[in-house]
């Protein structure tokens, strides 16, 4: 999903906006693919996001298996 925007909606959903302005709301749990190995999650593995968090600087984090990870370590594959 290159060039798409991911926007925090609430703790259990995000909005994904593609380059042409179409929007889809994804509800937890949603599937993501790891693009960088992080702690226990290997690159190219698919995992489910249990919850979404936004810090005071508007940076998104995904709770996966009880741990928080930066959303930028993952890619979402959806069709509009």
N, C-alpha and C. Protein backbone atom coordinates (compact mmCIF):
# COMPACT_ATOMS: atom_id res chain seq x y z
N UNK A 1 0.81 -1.17 0.00
CA UNK A 1 0.00 0.00 0.00
C UNK A 1 0.87 1.25 0.00
N UNK A 2 1.66 1.41 -1.00
CA UNK A 2 2.52 2.58 -1.08
C UNK A 2 1.67 3.82 -1.30
N UNK A 3 2.12 4.91 -0.70
CA UNK A 3 1.48 6.22 -0.85
C UNK A 3 0.10 6.31 -0.21
N UNK A 4 -0.29 5.35 0.61
CA UNK A 4 -1.56 5.45 1.33
C UNK A 4 -1.29 6.03 2.71
N UNK A 5 -2.28 6.71 3.26
CA UNK A 5 -2.17 7.27 4.60
C UNK A 5 -2.92 6.41 5.59
N UNK A 6 -2.34 6.23 6.76
CA UNK A 6 -3.00 5.51 7.85
C UNK A 6 -3.29 6.53 8.93
N UNK A 7 -4.56 6.58 9.34
CA UNK A 7 -5.00 7.57 10.31
C UNK A 7 -5.64 6.86 11.50
N UNK A 8 -5.25 7.28 12.70
CA UNK A 8 -5.85 6.75 13.92
C UNK A 8 -7.32 7.12 13.96
N UNK A 9 -8.17 6.14 14.24
CA UNK A 9 -9.60 6.41 14.36
C UNK A 9 -10.02 6.28 15.81
N UNK A 10 -9.74 5.11 16.39
CA UNK A 10 -9.92 4.87 17.82
C UNK A 10 -9.03 3.69 18.21
N UNK A 11 -9.12 3.25 19.46
CA UNK A 11 -8.23 2.18 19.94
C UNK A 11 -8.41 0.85 19.22
N UNK A 12 -9.51 0.70 18.54
CA UNK A 12 -9.78 -0.58 17.89
C UNK A 12 -9.99 -0.46 16.38
N UNK A 13 -9.56 0.67 15.79
CA UNK A 13 -9.68 0.80 14.34
C UNK A 13 -8.78 1.92 13.80
N UNK A 14 -8.48 1.80 12.51
CA UNK A 14 -7.73 2.83 11.79
C UNK A 14 -8.46 3.11 10.49
N UNK A 15 -8.16 4.25 9.90
CA UNK A 15 -8.67 4.57 8.57
C UNK A 15 -7.48 4.56 7.63
N UNK A 16 -7.65 3.90 6.47
CA UNK A 16 -6.61 3.87 5.45
C UNK A 16 -7.15 4.64 4.25
N UNK A 17 -6.38 5.64 3.82
CA UNK A 17 -6.79 6.49 2.70
C UNK A 17 -5.80 6.29 1.57
N UNK A 18 -6.31 5.86 0.40
CA UNK A 18 -5.42 5.62 -0.74
C UNK A 18 -5.14 6.93 -1.48
N UNK A 19 -4.21 6.92 -2.44
CA UNK A 19 -3.84 8.15 -3.14
C UNK A 19 -4.99 8.85 -3.86
N UNK A 20 -6.03 8.12 -4.25
CA UNK A 20 -7.15 8.76 -4.93
C UNK A 20 -8.22 9.26 -3.96
N UNK A 21 -7.97 9.13 -2.65
CA UNK A 21 -8.87 9.67 -1.64
C UNK A 21 -9.91 8.71 -1.11
N UNK A 22 -9.92 7.47 -1.60
CA UNK A 22 -10.87 6.49 -1.07
C UNK A 22 -10.41 6.04 0.31
N UNK A 23 -11.38 5.82 1.19
CA UNK A 23 -11.07 5.46 2.57
C UNK A 23 -11.69 4.12 2.94
N UNK A 24 -10.94 3.34 3.72
CA UNK A 24 -11.48 2.11 4.32
C UNK A 24 -11.13 2.13 5.79
N UNK A 25 -12.08 1.73 6.60
CA UNK A 25 -11.84 1.62 8.04
C UNK A 25 -11.58 0.16 8.36
N UNK A 26 -10.48 -0.09 9.04
CA UNK A 26 -10.12 -1.45 9.45
C UNK A 26 -10.32 -1.58 10.95
N UNK A 27 -10.99 -2.66 11.35
CA UNK A 27 -11.26 -2.91 12.76
C UNK A 27 -10.34 -4.02 13.26
N UNK A 28 -9.90 -3.87 14.51
CA UNK A 28 -9.07 -4.90 15.13
C UNK A 28 -9.91 -6.15 15.37
N UNK A 29 -9.32 -7.31 15.22
CA UNK A 29 -7.95 -7.54 14.78
C UNK A 29 -7.86 -7.48 13.25
N UNK A 30 -6.85 -6.78 12.74
CA UNK A 30 -6.58 -6.77 11.30
C UNK A 30 -5.16 -7.27 11.04
N UNK A 31 -4.97 -7.81 9.86
CA UNK A 31 -3.72 -8.48 9.50
C UNK A 31 -2.72 -7.48 8.92
N UNK A 32 -1.47 -7.59 9.38
CA UNK A 32 -0.37 -6.79 8.84
C UNK A 32 0.80 -7.71 8.56
N UNK A 33 1.70 -7.26 7.68
CA UNK A 33 2.89 -8.02 7.36
C UNK A 33 4.11 -7.26 7.86
N UNK A 34 4.99 -7.93 8.58
CA UNK A 34 6.18 -7.32 9.13
C UNK A 34 7.19 -7.05 8.01
N UNK A 35 7.68 -5.81 7.91
CA UNK A 35 8.65 -5.48 6.86
C UNK A 35 10.06 -5.33 7.44
N UNK A 36 10.18 -5.24 8.76
CA UNK A 36 11.48 -5.19 9.45
C UNK A 36 11.40 -6.11 10.66
N UNK A 37 12.36 -6.97 10.87
CA UNK A 37 12.37 -7.84 12.04
C UNK A 37 12.37 -6.99 13.30
N UNK A 38 11.44 -7.31 14.21
CA UNK A 38 11.34 -6.60 15.48
C UNK A 38 11.19 -7.61 16.59
N UNK A 39 12.01 -7.54 17.60
CA UNK A 39 11.97 -8.43 18.76
C UNK A 39 11.57 -9.86 18.37
N UNK A 40 10.31 -10.19 18.58
CA UNK A 40 9.84 -11.56 18.35
C UNK A 40 9.21 -11.78 16.98
N UNK A 41 9.00 -10.73 16.21
CA UNK A 41 8.31 -10.85 14.93
C UNK A 41 9.34 -10.78 13.80
N UNK A 42 9.41 -11.83 13.02
CA UNK A 42 10.38 -11.91 11.92
C UNK A 42 9.86 -11.20 10.67
N UNK A 43 10.78 -10.70 9.87
CA UNK A 43 10.45 -10.06 8.60
C UNK A 43 9.66 -11.02 7.72
N UNK A 44 8.67 -10.51 7.02
CA UNK A 44 7.78 -11.23 6.10
C UNK A 44 6.73 -12.09 6.80
N UNK A 45 6.67 -12.07 8.13
CA UNK A 45 5.62 -12.82 8.80
C UNK A 45 4.36 -11.96 8.94
N UNK A 46 3.21 -12.60 8.93
CA UNK A 46 1.94 -11.90 9.07
C UNK A 46 1.41 -12.09 10.48
N UNK A 47 0.92 -11.00 11.07
CA UNK A 47 0.41 -11.03 12.44
C UNK A 47 -0.85 -10.17 12.52
N UNK A 48 -1.62 -10.37 13.56
CA UNK A 48 -2.84 -9.59 13.77
C UNK A 48 -2.60 -8.48 14.79
N UNK A 49 -3.13 -7.30 14.50
CA UNK A 49 -3.07 -6.16 15.41
C UNK A 49 -4.27 -6.26 16.35
N UNK A 50 -3.99 -6.26 17.66
CA UNK A 50 -5.04 -6.38 18.67
C UNK A 50 -5.63 -5.03 19.07
N UNK A 51 -4.79 -3.99 19.04
CA UNK A 51 -5.24 -2.67 19.46
C UNK A 51 -4.31 -1.62 18.84
N UNK A 52 -4.81 -0.39 18.71
CA UNK A 52 -4.05 0.71 18.11
C UNK A 52 -3.90 1.83 19.14
N UNK A 53 -2.69 2.41 19.20
CA UNK A 53 -2.42 3.50 20.12
C UNK A 53 -1.82 4.68 19.37
N UNK A 54 -2.05 5.89 19.88
CA UNK A 54 -1.46 7.09 19.33
C UNK A 54 -0.83 7.86 20.48
N UNK A 55 0.45 8.20 20.36
CA UNK A 55 1.11 8.95 21.43
C UNK A 55 0.85 10.44 21.25
N UNK A 56 1.27 11.27 22.21
CA UNK A 56 1.01 12.71 22.12
C UNK A 56 1.60 13.38 20.86
N UNK A 57 2.61 12.75 20.24
CA UNK A 57 3.20 13.29 19.01
C UNK A 57 2.52 12.74 17.76
N UNK A 58 1.36 12.10 17.93
CA UNK A 58 0.57 11.53 16.83
C UNK A 58 1.24 10.35 16.13
N UNK A 59 2.17 9.67 16.79
CA UNK A 59 2.80 8.48 16.21
C UNK A 59 1.97 7.26 16.58
N UNK A 60 1.70 6.42 15.58
CA UNK A 60 0.88 5.23 15.80
C UNK A 60 1.72 4.05 16.26
N UNK A 61 1.13 3.24 17.12
CA UNK A 61 1.72 1.98 17.56
C UNK A 61 0.64 0.91 17.50
N UNK A 62 1.08 -0.31 17.21
CA UNK A 62 0.17 -1.45 17.19
C UNK A 62 0.49 -2.35 18.37
N UNK A 63 -0.56 -2.81 19.06
CA UNK A 63 -0.36 -3.82 20.08
C UNK A 63 -0.54 -5.18 19.42
N UNK A 64 0.51 -5.98 19.48
CA UNK A 64 0.52 -7.31 18.88
C UNK A 64 1.06 -8.27 19.91
N UNK A 65 0.25 -9.23 20.31
CA UNK A 65 0.70 -10.21 21.29
C UNK A 65 1.10 -9.60 22.61
N UNK A 66 0.47 -8.50 23.00
CA UNK A 66 0.75 -7.88 24.29
C UNK A 66 1.91 -6.89 24.27
N UNK A 67 2.57 -6.70 23.13
CA UNK A 67 3.68 -5.76 23.00
C UNK A 67 3.34 -4.66 22.01
N UNK A 68 3.90 -3.46 22.24
CA UNK A 68 3.69 -2.34 21.33
C UNK A 68 4.81 -2.26 20.31
N UNK A 69 4.43 -2.02 19.05
CA UNK A 69 5.38 -1.89 17.95
C UNK A 69 5.00 -0.68 17.11
N UNK A 70 5.99 0.00 16.55
CA UNK A 70 5.74 1.13 15.66
C UNK A 70 5.02 0.64 14.41
N UNK A 71 4.00 1.37 13.99
CA UNK A 71 3.23 0.95 12.81
C UNK A 71 4.11 0.91 11.56
N UNK A 72 5.18 1.70 11.54
CA UNK A 72 6.05 1.77 10.37
C UNK A 72 6.82 0.48 10.10
N UNK A 73 6.80 -0.45 11.05
CA UNK A 73 7.45 -1.76 10.85
C UNK A 73 6.56 -2.74 10.09
N UNK A 74 5.35 -2.31 9.75
CA UNK A 74 4.37 -3.22 9.16
C UNK A 74 3.73 -2.62 7.92
N UNK A 75 3.23 -3.48 7.07
CA UNK A 75 2.53 -3.07 5.85
C UNK A 75 1.15 -3.74 5.87
N UNK A 76 0.15 -2.97 5.43
CA UNK A 76 -1.22 -3.48 5.35
C UNK A 76 -1.54 -3.71 3.88
N UNK A 77 -2.12 -4.85 3.57
CA UNK A 77 -2.55 -5.15 2.19
C UNK A 77 -4.07 -5.19 2.16
N UNK A 78 -4.67 -4.18 1.52
CA UNK A 78 -6.12 -4.16 1.35
C UNK A 78 -6.46 -3.70 -0.05
N UNK A 79 -7.65 -4.01 -0.47
CA UNK A 79 -8.15 -3.58 -1.77
C UNK A 79 -9.25 -2.53 -1.56
N UNK A 80 -9.27 -1.55 -2.41
CA UNK A 80 -10.29 -0.51 -2.32
C UNK A 80 -11.35 -0.73 -3.37
